Amino acid sequence: MAKTQKMAQSIGVSGVRGSFSEEAARTYAHKAGLKSYKIDYLVTVENVLAALEAGDITLGIFPIENSNGGIVIEAVHAMAKHRFHIKKLFEIEVVMNLLVKKGTTSEKIKRILSHDQALKQCRMYLKRKWPKVKVEEYPDTAKAAEDLAKGVLPATVAVIASRAAATLNKLDILEESIQDLKFNYTSFIVASK
């Protein structure tokens, strides 16, 4: 059994490259001593659990609760529809940043987009700093960053995402550590079939 554990694992995450779920997967793999694994970027918890149930991935990693934003509703709905085992529950620190296209100034921002959880974690910041800007939900924090970088979203949009998403997509960090609580942790589930 221990030998099987060391074979290549396929980890499905609810996010794209640069997401907090990817960071959680890498943290888990490191702590679990997984030497050989690949990450499948499945964007939603629903996709992760469907892929796990179908046997397309070995493990699924997704957020379940944040210390500030509360329960991840998307995860609860998906968990109710699928059969799986909870292998582990762990948390990572989550630092939110406001990302923009290179050269975009705060005066040009018309909308701020991110995952519902990120918006909840930055609720007071958004009310205080951006009261006149439209705030909208997006399927994933890192997907919002990717779409902004690719021009799917206009340059008048700012997104809330990780530093990794900024680096990966060559976006500027207009403001860093914008979450309402200085210590902001998200609990993740490691699911197996």
N, C-alpha and C. Protein backbone atom coordinates (compact mmCIF):
# COMPACT_ATOMS: atom_id res chain seq x y z
N MET A 1 0.83 -1.20 0.00
CA MET A 1 0.00 0.00 0.00
C MET A 1 0.87 1.26 0.00
N ALA A 2 1.92 1.28 0.80
CA ALA A 2 2.80 2.46 0.87
C ALA A 2 3.48 2.70 -0.47
N LYS A 3 3.74 1.61 -1.21
CA LYS A 3 4.37 1.74 -2.52
C LYS A 3 3.42 2.42 -3.51
N THR A 4 2.14 2.06 -3.46
CA THR A 4 1.13 2.67 -4.33
C THR A 4 1.05 4.17 -4.06
N GLN A 5 1.21 4.54 -2.80
CA GLN A 5 1.15 5.94 -2.40
C GLN A 5 2.24 6.77 -3.09
N LYS A 6 3.36 6.16 -3.42
CA LYS A 6 4.49 6.88 -4.01
C LYS A 6 4.38 6.97 -5.53
N MET A 7 3.43 6.26 -6.13
CA MET A 7 3.27 6.33 -7.59
C MET A 7 2.68 7.69 -7.97
N ALA A 8 2.77 8.04 -9.25
CA ALA A 8 2.28 9.33 -9.72
C ALA A 8 0.79 9.49 -9.40
N GLN A 9 0.45 10.59 -8.81
CA GLN A 9 -0.93 10.91 -8.48
C GLN A 9 -1.42 12.00 -9.43
N SER A 10 -2.69 11.94 -9.73
CA SER A 10 -3.32 12.99 -10.52
C SER A 10 -4.24 13.74 -9.57
N ILE A 11 -3.90 15.02 -9.33
CA ILE A 11 -4.66 15.83 -8.37
C ILE A 11 -5.50 16.85 -9.14
N GLY A 12 -6.80 16.75 -8.98
CA GLY A 12 -7.72 17.71 -9.59
C GLY A 12 -7.96 18.86 -8.63
N VAL A 13 -7.86 20.10 -9.12
CA VAL A 13 -8.10 21.26 -8.27
C VAL A 13 -9.20 22.14 -8.86
N SER A 14 -9.89 22.84 -7.96
CA SER A 14 -10.95 23.76 -8.38
C SER A 14 -10.33 25.12 -8.64
N GLY A 15 -9.74 25.25 -9.80
CA GLY A 15 -9.10 26.51 -10.18
C GLY A 15 -8.23 26.28 -11.39
N VAL A 16 -7.56 27.33 -11.83
CA VAL A 16 -6.60 27.25 -12.94
C VAL A 16 -5.22 27.54 -12.37
N ARG A 17 -4.21 27.57 -13.23
CA ARG A 17 -2.85 27.87 -12.76
C ARG A 17 -2.85 29.22 -12.03
N GLY A 18 -2.18 29.24 -10.88
CA GLY A 18 -2.11 30.47 -10.09
C GLY A 18 -3.22 30.58 -9.05
N SER A 19 -4.09 29.57 -8.96
CA SER A 19 -5.21 29.62 -8.01
C SER A 19 -4.73 29.21 -6.61
N PHE A 20 -5.54 29.55 -5.62
CA PHE A 20 -5.24 29.14 -4.26
C PHE A 20 -5.37 27.63 -4.12
N SER A 21 -6.25 27.01 -4.92
CA SER A 21 -6.39 25.55 -4.90
C SER A 21 -5.12 24.88 -5.42
N GLU A 22 -4.48 25.49 -6.42
CA GLU A 22 -3.20 24.94 -6.89
C GLU A 22 -2.16 25.04 -5.78
N GLU A 23 -2.12 26.18 -5.10
CA GLU A 23 -1.19 26.36 -3.99
C GLU A 23 -1.45 25.31 -2.91
N ALA A 24 -2.74 25.06 -2.62
CA ALA A 24 -3.11 24.05 -1.62
C ALA A 24 -2.65 22.66 -2.07
N ALA A 25 -2.82 22.35 -3.35
CA ALA A 25 -2.41 21.04 -3.87
C ALA A 25 -0.90 20.85 -3.75
N ARG A 26 -0.14 21.88 -4.08
CA ARG A 26 1.32 21.79 -3.97
C ARG A 26 1.76 21.67 -2.51
N THR A 27 1.08 22.38 -1.63
CA THR A 27 1.37 22.28 -0.19
C THR A 27 1.08 20.87 0.31
N TYR A 28 -0.08 20.32 -0.07
CA TYR A 28 -0.44 18.97 0.35
C TYR A 28 0.56 17.95 -0.20
N ALA A 29 0.88 18.04 -1.48
CA ALA A 29 1.81 17.09 -2.11
C ALA A 29 3.16 17.10 -1.41
N HIS A 30 3.63 18.30 -1.08
CA HIS A 30 4.92 18.43 -0.39
C HIS A 30 4.88 17.77 0.99
N LYS A 31 3.84 18.11 1.76
CA LYS A 31 3.73 17.57 3.12
C LYS A 31 3.46 16.07 3.13
N ALA A 32 2.77 15.56 2.09
CA ALA A 32 2.47 14.13 2.01
C ALA A 32 3.63 13.34 1.40
N GLY A 33 4.67 14.06 0.97
CA GLY A 33 5.84 13.40 0.40
C GLY A 33 5.62 12.85 -1.00
N LEU A 34 4.65 13.41 -1.72
CA LEU A 34 4.40 12.96 -3.10
C LEU A 34 5.51 13.49 -4.00
N LYS A 35 6.28 12.60 -4.57
CA LYS A 35 7.39 13.01 -5.44
C LYS A 35 6.91 13.19 -6.87
N SER A 36 5.94 12.38 -7.25
CA SER A 36 5.48 12.40 -8.63
C SER A 36 3.96 12.61 -8.65
N TYR A 37 3.55 13.77 -9.14
CA TYR A 37 2.12 14.06 -9.26
C TYR A 37 1.91 15.08 -10.38
N LYS A 38 0.69 15.10 -10.88
CA LYS A 38 0.35 16.13 -11.86
C LYS A 38 -0.94 16.78 -11.40
N ILE A 39 -1.08 18.05 -11.73
CA ILE A 39 -2.28 18.79 -11.34
C ILE A 39 -3.17 18.98 -12.56
N ASP A 40 -4.44 18.62 -12.38
CA ASP A 40 -5.46 18.87 -13.40
C ASP A 40 -6.26 20.09 -12.94
N TYR A 41 -6.30 21.10 -13.78
CA TYR A 41 -6.98 22.36 -13.44
C TYR A 41 -8.43 22.27 -13.91
N LEU A 42 -9.35 22.02 -12.98
CA LEU A 42 -10.74 21.71 -13.32
C LEU A 42 -11.72 22.85 -13.01
N VAL A 43 -11.24 23.98 -12.57
CA VAL A 43 -11.97 25.24 -12.33
C VAL A 43 -13.00 25.19 -11.20
N THR A 44 -13.94 24.23 -11.23
CA THR A 44 -15.00 24.21 -10.21
C THR A 44 -14.92 22.96 -9.33
N VAL A 45 -15.51 23.04 -8.16
CA VAL A 45 -15.58 21.90 -7.25
C VAL A 45 -16.42 20.79 -7.89
N GLU A 46 -17.49 21.17 -8.56
CA GLU A 46 -18.33 20.20 -9.28
C GLU A 46 -17.49 19.38 -10.25
N ASN A 47 -16.66 20.04 -11.03
CA ASN A 47 -15.80 19.34 -12.00
C ASN A 47 -14.81 18.41 -11.29
N VAL A 48 -14.27 18.86 -10.16
CA VAL A 48 -13.30 18.05 -9.40
C VAL A 48 -13.96 16.77 -8.91
N LEU A 49 -15.12 16.89 -8.28
CA LEU A 49 -15.78 15.71 -7.72
C LEU A 49 -16.33 14.79 -8.80
N ALA A 50 -16.78 15.34 -9.92
CA ALA A 50 -17.24 14.50 -11.04
C ALA A 50 -16.07 13.71 -11.61
N ALA A 51 -14.92 14.35 -11.76
CA ALA A 51 -13.72 13.68 -12.29
C ALA A 51 -13.23 12.61 -11.32
N LEU A 52 -13.31 12.89 -10.02
CA LEU A 52 -12.90 11.92 -9.00
C LEU A 52 -13.81 10.69 -9.05
N GLU A 53 -15.11 10.94 -9.11
CA GLU A 53 -16.08 9.85 -9.15
C GLU A 53 -15.92 9.00 -10.42
N ALA A 54 -15.56 9.65 -11.53
CA ALA A 54 -15.37 8.95 -12.80
C ALA A 54 -14.02 8.22 -12.87
N GLY A 55 -13.14 8.48 -11.91
CA GLY A 55 -11.83 7.85 -11.91
C GLY A 55 -10.81 8.54 -12.80
N ASP A 56 -11.10 9.77 -13.21
CA ASP A 56 -10.19 10.53 -14.07
C ASP A 56 -9.03 11.14 -13.30
N ILE A 57 -9.20 11.30 -11.99
CA ILE A 57 -8.14 11.82 -11.12
C ILE A 57 -8.04 10.93 -9.89
N THR A 58 -6.90 10.97 -9.21
CA THR A 58 -6.68 10.17 -8.01
C THR A 58 -7.18 10.88 -6.76
N LEU A 59 -6.92 12.19 -6.71
CA LEU A 59 -7.31 13.02 -5.57
C LEU A 59 -7.97 14.30 -6.07
N GLY A 60 -8.84 14.86 -5.24
CA GLY A 60 -9.42 16.16 -5.53
C GLY A 60 -9.12 17.09 -4.37
N ILE A 61 -8.75 18.32 -4.67
CA ILE A 61 -8.48 19.30 -3.61
C ILE A 61 -9.28 20.56 -3.90
N PHE A 62 -10.06 20.96 -2.90
CA PHE A 62 -10.91 22.13 -3.07
C PHE A 62 -11.18 22.80 -1.72
N PRO A 63 -11.51 24.10 -1.75
CA PRO A 63 -11.76 24.82 -0.50
C PRO A 63 -13.15 24.50 0.06
N ILE A 64 -13.25 24.48 1.39
CA ILE A 64 -14.54 24.23 2.03
C ILE A 64 -14.97 25.40 2.93
N GLU A 65 -13.99 26.09 3.54
CA GLU A 65 -14.35 27.19 4.43
C GLU A 65 -13.19 28.16 4.59
N ASN A 66 -13.54 29.45 4.72
CA ASN A 66 -12.54 30.48 4.96
C ASN A 66 -12.82 31.12 6.32
N SER A 67 -11.75 31.51 7.01
CA SER A 67 -11.86 32.09 8.34
C SER A 67 -12.66 33.39 8.35
N ASN A 68 -12.75 34.07 7.22
CA ASN A 68 -13.47 35.33 7.12
C ASN A 68 -14.72 35.20 6.25
N GLY A 69 -14.59 34.52 5.11
CA GLY A 69 -15.69 34.42 4.14
C GLY A 69 -16.69 33.32 4.45
N GLY A 70 -16.36 32.43 5.40
CA GLY A 70 -17.28 31.37 5.77
C GLY A 70 -17.24 30.17 4.83
N ILE A 71 -18.34 29.44 4.82
CA ILE A 71 -18.47 28.21 4.03
C ILE A 71 -18.43 28.54 2.53
N VAL A 72 -17.77 27.69 1.76
CA VAL A 72 -17.75 27.83 0.30
C VAL A 72 -18.99 27.10 -0.22
N ILE A 73 -20.02 27.87 -0.52
CA ILE A 73 -21.33 27.32 -0.90
C ILE A 73 -21.21 26.39 -2.11
N GLU A 74 -20.43 26.78 -3.09
CA GLU A 74 -20.21 25.96 -4.29
C GLU A 74 -19.76 24.56 -3.92
N ALA A 75 -18.88 24.46 -2.92
CA ALA A 75 -18.36 23.15 -2.48
C ALA A 75 -19.45 22.32 -1.82
N VAL A 76 -20.28 22.96 -0.99
CA VAL A 76 -21.36 22.25 -0.30
C VAL A 76 -22.32 21.64 -1.31
N HIS A 77 -22.71 22.41 -2.32
CA HIS A 77 -23.63 21.91 -3.35
C HIS A 77 -23.02 20.73 -4.11
N ALA A 78 -21.76 20.85 -4.49
CA ALA A 78 -21.09 19.78 -5.23
C ALA A 78 -20.93 18.53 -4.36
N MET A 79 -20.57 18.71 -3.09
CA MET A 79 -20.38 17.58 -2.18
C MET A 79 -21.68 16.79 -1.99
N ALA A 80 -22.81 17.47 -2.03
CA ALA A 80 -24.10 16.81 -1.85
C ALA A 80 -24.45 15.90 -3.03
N LYS A 81 -23.83 16.14 -4.18
CA LYS A 81 -24.16 15.39 -5.40
C LYS A 81 -23.23 14.23 -5.70
N HIS A 82 -22.11 14.12 -4.99
CA HIS A 82 -21.10 13.11 -5.34
C HIS A 82 -20.69 12.25 -4.15
N ARG A 83 -20.21 11.04 -4.47
CA ARG A 83 -19.70 10.12 -3.45
C ARG A 83 -18.17 10.19 -3.45
N PHE A 84 -17.60 10.38 -2.27
CA PHE A 84 -16.14 10.46 -2.13
C PHE A 84 -15.79 10.31 -0.66
N HIS A 85 -14.51 10.14 -0.39
CA HIS A 85 -14.02 10.07 0.99
C HIS A 85 -13.16 11.29 1.27
N ILE A 86 -13.25 11.79 2.49
CA ILE A 86 -12.38 12.89 2.89
C ILE A 86 -11.11 12.26 3.45
N LYS A 87 -10.03 12.45 2.74
CA LYS A 87 -8.73 11.88 3.12
C LYS A 87 -8.03 12.77 4.14
N LYS A 88 -8.18 14.08 3.95
CA LYS A 88 -7.50 15.04 4.84
C LYS A 88 -8.19 16.39 4.75
N LEU A 89 -8.09 17.14 5.83
CA LEU A 89 -8.57 18.52 5.89
C LEU A 89 -7.39 19.34 6.39
N PHE A 90 -7.02 20.41 5.69
CA PHE A 90 -5.90 21.25 6.11
C PHE A 90 -6.16 22.68 5.67
N GLU A 91 -5.37 23.61 6.20
CA GLU A 91 -5.58 25.01 5.82
C GLU A 91 -4.28 25.66 5.37
N ILE A 92 -4.47 26.69 4.53
CA ILE A 92 -3.34 27.51 4.10
C ILE A 92 -3.73 28.97 4.28
N GLU A 93 -2.72 29.81 4.43
CA GLU A 93 -2.97 31.25 4.51
C GLU A 93 -3.28 31.76 3.11
N VAL A 94 -4.26 32.64 3.01
CA VAL A 94 -4.69 33.19 1.73
C VAL A 94 -4.52 34.71 1.77
N VAL A 95 -3.70 35.21 0.85
CA VAL A 95 -3.47 36.66 0.76
C VAL A 95 -4.06 37.15 -0.56
N MET A 96 -5.03 38.04 -0.47
CA MET A 96 -5.72 38.58 -1.65
C MET A 96 -5.01 39.84 -2.14
N ASN A 97 -4.97 39.98 -3.47
CA ASN A 97 -4.35 41.14 -4.10
C ASN A 97 -5.26 41.67 -5.20
N LEU A 98 -5.19 42.98 -5.43
CA LEU A 98 -5.96 43.59 -6.51
C LEU A 98 -5.05 43.71 -7.73
N LEU A 99 -5.40 42.96 -8.79
CA LEU A 99 -4.56 42.91 -9.99
C LEU A 99 -5.18 43.67 -11.14
N VAL A 100 -4.30 44.30 -11.93
CA VAL A 100 -4.73 45.06 -13.11
C VAL A 100 -3.76 44.79 -14.26
N LYS A 101 -4.20 45.15 -15.47
CA LYS A 101 -3.29 45.07 -16.63
C LYS A 101 -2.19 46.09 -16.43
N LYS A 102 -1.03 45.82 -16.97
CA LYS A 102 0.12 46.73 -16.85
C LYS A 102 -0.29 48.15 -17.24
N GLY A 103 0.06 49.10 -16.38
CA GLY A 103 -0.20 50.50 -16.68
C GLY A 103 -1.58 51.01 -16.30
N THR A 104 -2.48 50.13 -15.87
CA THR A 104 -3.83 50.57 -15.49
C THR A 104 -3.78 51.24 -14.12
N THR A 105 -4.35 52.42 -14.04
CA THR A 105 -4.39 53.16 -12.77
C THR A 105 -5.76 52.98 -12.12
N SER A 106 -5.84 53.29 -10.84
CA SER A 106 -7.10 53.09 -10.10
C SER A 106 -8.25 53.91 -10.69
N GLU A 107 -7.95 55.06 -11.27
CA GLU A 107 -9.01 55.91 -11.85
C GLU A 107 -9.71 55.24 -13.03
N LYS A 108 -9.03 54.32 -13.71
CA LYS A 108 -9.59 53.66 -14.90
C LYS A 108 -10.47 52.45 -14.58
N ILE A 109 -10.47 52.00 -13.34
CA ILE A 109 -11.20 50.77 -12.98
C ILE A 109 -12.70 51.02 -12.87
N LYS A 110 -13.46 50.24 -13.64
CA LYS A 110 -14.93 50.34 -13.66
C LYS A 110 -15.60 49.16 -12.96
N ARG A 111 -14.92 47.98 -12.96
CA ARG A 111 -15.47 46.78 -12.35
C ARG A 111 -14.36 46.00 -11.64
N ILE A 112 -14.74 45.29 -10.58
CA ILE A 112 -13.82 44.39 -9.89
C ILE A 112 -14.47 43.01 -9.88
N LEU A 113 -13.71 42.02 -10.34
CA LEU A 113 -14.23 40.66 -10.46
C LEU A 113 -13.39 39.67 -9.66
N SER A 114 -14.06 38.65 -9.12
CA SER A 114 -13.36 37.55 -8.47
C SER A 114 -14.37 36.49 -8.05
N HIS A 115 -13.85 35.39 -7.53
CA HIS A 115 -14.71 34.34 -6.98
C HIS A 115 -15.49 34.91 -5.80
N ASP A 116 -16.68 34.41 -5.59
CA ASP A 116 -17.55 34.84 -4.50
C ASP A 116 -16.82 34.85 -3.15
N GLN A 117 -16.01 33.82 -2.88
CA GLN A 117 -15.28 33.75 -1.61
C GLN A 117 -14.27 34.89 -1.47
N ALA A 118 -13.55 35.19 -2.53
CA ALA A 118 -12.57 36.29 -2.48
C ALA A 118 -13.28 37.61 -2.22
N LEU A 119 -14.43 37.80 -2.85
CA LEU A 119 -15.21 39.03 -2.65
C LEU A 119 -15.66 39.14 -1.20
N LYS A 120 -16.09 38.02 -0.61
CA LYS A 120 -16.51 38.01 0.80
C LYS A 120 -15.34 38.36 1.71
N GLN A 121 -14.17 37.84 1.39
CA GLN A 121 -12.99 38.06 2.23
C GLN A 121 -12.48 39.50 2.15
N CYS A 122 -12.91 40.22 1.11
CA CYS A 122 -12.47 41.61 0.91
C CYS A 122 -13.65 42.59 0.98
N ARG A 123 -14.76 42.15 1.52
CA ARG A 123 -16.01 42.92 1.54
C ARG A 123 -15.84 44.34 2.08
N MET A 124 -15.24 44.50 3.24
CA MET A 124 -15.11 45.83 3.85
C MET A 124 -14.12 46.70 3.07
N TYR A 125 -13.06 46.10 2.60
CA TYR A 125 -12.09 46.81 1.76
C TYR A 125 -12.79 47.38 0.52
N LEU A 126 -13.60 46.54 -0.14
CA LEU A 126 -14.30 46.97 -1.37
C LEU A 126 -15.28 48.11 -1.07
N LYS A 127 -16.01 48.01 0.04
CA LYS A 127 -16.96 49.07 0.41
C LYS A 127 -16.24 50.38 0.73
N ARG A 128 -15.12 50.26 1.43
CA ARG A 128 -14.36 51.44 1.85
C ARG A 128 -13.63 52.09 0.68
N LYS A 129 -12.93 51.29 -0.09
CA LYS A 129 -12.02 51.81 -1.12
C LYS A 129 -12.68 51.98 -2.50
N TRP A 130 -13.67 51.15 -2.83
CA TRP A 130 -14.26 51.13 -4.17
C TRP A 130 -15.79 51.22 -4.12
N PRO A 131 -16.37 52.18 -3.40
CA PRO A 131 -17.83 52.22 -3.25
C PRO A 131 -18.61 52.45 -4.55
N LYS A 132 -17.97 53.07 -5.53
CA LYS A 132 -18.69 53.39 -6.79
C LYS A 132 -18.38 52.39 -7.92
N VAL A 133 -17.55 51.41 -7.64
CA VAL A 133 -17.16 50.44 -8.67
C VAL A 133 -18.05 49.20 -8.56
N LYS A 134 -18.48 48.69 -9.71
CA LYS A 134 -19.33 47.50 -9.74
C LYS A 134 -18.49 46.26 -9.40
N VAL A 135 -18.97 45.46 -8.45
CA VAL A 135 -18.28 44.25 -8.02
C VAL A 135 -19.08 43.05 -8.50
N GLU A 136 -18.41 42.12 -9.20
CA GLU A 136 -19.10 40.96 -9.79
C GLU A 136 -18.37 39.66 -9.50
N GLU A 137 -19.16 38.58 -9.39
CA GLU A 137 -18.59 37.25 -9.18
C GLU A 137 -18.02 36.68 -10.48
N TYR A 138 -17.00 35.83 -10.33
CA TYR A 138 -16.35 35.14 -11.45
C TYR A 138 -16.09 33.70 -10.98
N PRO A 139 -16.05 32.72 -11.88
CA PRO A 139 -15.91 31.32 -11.46
C PRO A 139 -14.66 30.99 -10.64
N ASP A 140 -13.56 31.73 -10.83
CA ASP A 140 -12.32 31.41 -10.15
C ASP A 140 -11.44 32.66 -10.10
N THR A 141 -10.72 32.85 -9.01
CA THR A 141 -9.84 34.02 -8.88
C THR A 141 -8.77 34.03 -9.97
N ALA A 142 -8.10 32.90 -10.14
CA ALA A 142 -7.00 32.84 -11.12
C ALA A 142 -7.52 32.87 -12.55
N LYS A 143 -8.73 32.35 -12.78
CA LYS A 143 -9.34 32.40 -14.12
C LYS A 143 -9.64 33.86 -14.48
N ALA A 144 -10.07 34.64 -13.51
CA ALA A 144 -10.31 36.07 -13.75
C ALA A 144 -9.01 36.76 -14.15
N ALA A 145 -7.92 36.42 -13.46
CA ALA A 145 -6.60 37.00 -13.79
C ALA A 145 -6.16 36.58 -15.19
N GLU A 146 -6.34 35.30 -15.50
CA GLU A 146 -5.97 34.78 -16.83
C GLU A 146 -6.77 35.49 -17.93
N ASP A 147 -8.08 35.63 -17.71
CA ASP A 147 -8.94 36.27 -18.71
C ASP A 147 -8.63 37.75 -18.87
N LEU A 148 -8.23 38.41 -17.79
CA LEU A 148 -7.83 39.81 -17.88
C LEU A 148 -6.56 39.92 -18.72
N ALA A 149 -5.60 39.05 -18.45
CA ALA A 149 -4.33 39.08 -19.20
C ALA A 149 -4.52 38.77 -20.67
N LYS A 150 -5.45 37.87 -21.00
CA LYS A 150 -5.69 37.47 -22.39
C LYS A 150 -6.56 38.46 -23.17
N GLY A 151 -7.13 39.45 -22.46
CA GLY A 151 -7.98 40.42 -23.13
C GLY A 151 -9.43 40.00 -23.23
N VAL A 152 -9.79 38.87 -22.59
CA VAL A 152 -11.19 38.44 -22.54
C VAL A 152 -11.98 39.47 -21.73
N LEU A 153 -11.33 40.00 -20.70
CA LEU A 153 -11.91 41.07 -19.89
C LEU A 153 -11.20 42.37 -20.27
N PRO A 154 -11.94 43.49 -20.29
CA PRO A 154 -11.32 44.77 -20.67
C PRO A 154 -10.33 45.28 -19.63
N ALA A 155 -9.47 46.19 -20.03
CA ALA A 155 -8.44 46.76 -19.15
C ALA A 155 -9.04 47.62 -18.04
N THR A 156 -10.34 47.92 -18.11
CA THR A 156 -11.01 48.70 -17.06
C THR A 156 -11.45 47.81 -15.89
N VAL A 157 -11.14 46.52 -15.98
CA VAL A 157 -11.48 45.56 -14.93
C VAL A 157 -10.25 45.31 -14.05
N ALA A 158 -10.48 45.20 -12.74
CA ALA A 158 -9.46 44.74 -11.80
C ALA A 158 -9.96 43.41 -11.26
N VAL A 159 -9.05 42.52 -10.88
CA VAL A 159 -9.45 41.23 -10.34
C VAL A 159 -8.76 41.01 -8.99
N ILE A 160 -9.42 40.24 -8.15
CA ILE A 160 -8.83 39.87 -6.86
C ILE A 160 -8.32 38.44 -7.00
N ALA A 161 -7.01 38.26 -6.78
CA ALA A 161 -6.40 36.94 -6.94
C ALA A 161 -5.07 36.89 -6.19
N SER A 162 -4.37 35.78 -6.37
CA SER A 162 -3.10 35.55 -5.67
C SER A 162 -1.94 36.27 -6.35
N ARG A 163 -0.85 36.39 -5.62
CA ARG A 163 0.40 36.93 -6.17
C ARG A 163 0.88 36.02 -7.32
N ALA A 164 0.71 34.70 -7.15
CA ALA A 164 1.11 33.75 -8.19
C ALA A 164 0.36 34.02 -9.49
N ALA A 165 -0.93 34.34 -9.39
CA ALA A 165 -1.73 34.64 -10.59
C ALA A 165 -1.23 35.92 -11.26
N ALA A 166 -0.80 36.89 -10.46
CA ALA A 166 -0.25 38.14 -11.01
C ALA A 166 1.04 37.85 -11.78
N THR A 167 1.94 37.10 -11.16
CA THR A 167 3.23 36.77 -11.79
C THR A 167 3.03 35.96 -13.06
N LEU A 168 2.23 34.92 -12.96
CA LEU A 168 1.97 34.01 -14.07
C LEU A 168 1.38 34.74 -15.28
N ASN A 169 0.48 35.68 -15.02
CA ASN A 169 -0.22 36.39 -16.09
C ASN A 169 0.36 37.76 -16.41
N LYS A 170 1.50 38.09 -15.79
CA LYS A 170 2.18 39.37 -16.02
C LYS A 170 1.24 40.56 -15.79
N LEU A 171 0.53 40.51 -14.65
CA LEU A 171 -0.36 41.59 -14.26
C LEU A 171 0.30 42.39 -13.14
N ASP A 172 -0.07 43.66 -13.03
CA ASP A 172 0.42 44.50 -11.94
C ASP A 172 -0.42 44.27 -10.69
N ILE A 173 0.22 44.34 -9.53
CA ILE A 173 -0.51 44.31 -8.27
C ILE A 173 -0.74 45.76 -7.88
N LEU A 174 -2.00 46.20 -8.01
CA LEU A 174 -2.34 47.58 -7.68
C LEU A 174 -2.31 47.77 -6.16
N GLU A 175 -2.85 46.78 -5.43
CA GLU A 175 -2.80 46.80 -3.96
C GLU A 175 -2.65 45.36 -3.49
N GLU A 176 -1.80 45.17 -2.46
CA GLU A 176 -1.60 43.81 -1.95
C GLU A 176 -2.19 43.64 -0.56
N SER A 177 -2.45 42.40 -0.22
CA SER A 177 -2.99 42.03 1.09
C SER A 177 -4.25 42.83 1.42
N ILE A 178 -5.24 42.73 0.55
CA ILE A 178 -6.46 43.53 0.69
C ILE A 178 -7.58 42.82 1.46
N GLN A 179 -7.35 41.58 1.89
CA GLN A 179 -8.39 40.87 2.65
C GLN A 179 -8.67 41.64 3.94
N ASP A 180 -9.91 41.52 4.42
CA ASP A 180 -10.33 42.29 5.59
C ASP A 180 -9.60 41.87 6.86
N LEU A 181 -9.28 40.59 6.99
CA LEU A 181 -8.57 40.11 8.18
C LEU A 181 -7.11 39.88 7.84
N LYS A 182 -6.24 40.35 8.69
CA LYS A 182 -4.80 40.17 8.47
C LYS A 182 -4.45 38.69 8.36
N PHE A 183 -5.03 37.88 9.26
CA PHE A 183 -4.80 36.44 9.22
C PHE A 183 -6.01 35.80 8.56
N ASN A 184 -5.84 35.38 7.32
CA ASN A 184 -6.93 34.87 6.50
C ASN A 184 -6.57 33.46 6.05
N TYR A 185 -7.30 32.47 6.57
CA TYR A 185 -6.98 31.06 6.27
C TYR A 185 -8.16 30.37 5.61
N THR A 186 -7.86 29.51 4.65
CA THR A 186 -8.89 28.71 4.00
C THR A 186 -8.61 27.24 4.27
N SER A 187 -9.66 26.52 4.65
CA SER A 187 -9.57 25.07 4.85
C SER A 187 -9.88 24.37 3.53
N PHE A 188 -9.04 23.39 3.21
CA PHE A 188 -9.20 22.61 1.98
C PHE A 188 -9.45 21.15 2.31
N ILE A 189 -10.22 20.51 1.48
CA ILE A 189 -10.47 19.08 1.58
C ILE A 189 -9.62 18.36 0.55
N VAL A 190 -9.00 17.26 0.97
CA VAL A 190 -8.35 16.33 0.05
C VAL A 190 -9.32 15.17 -0.05
N ALA A 191 -9.90 14.98 -1.23
CA ALA A 191 -10.91 13.94 -1.43
C ALA A 191 -10.34 12.79 -2.26
N SER A 192 -10.75 11.58 -1.90
CA SER A 192 -10.38 10.40 -2.69
C SER A 192 -11.64 9.60 -3.00
N LYS A 193 -11.52 8.64 -3.90
CA LYS A 193 -12.69 7.88 -4.34
C LYS A 193 -13.16 6.92 -3.26
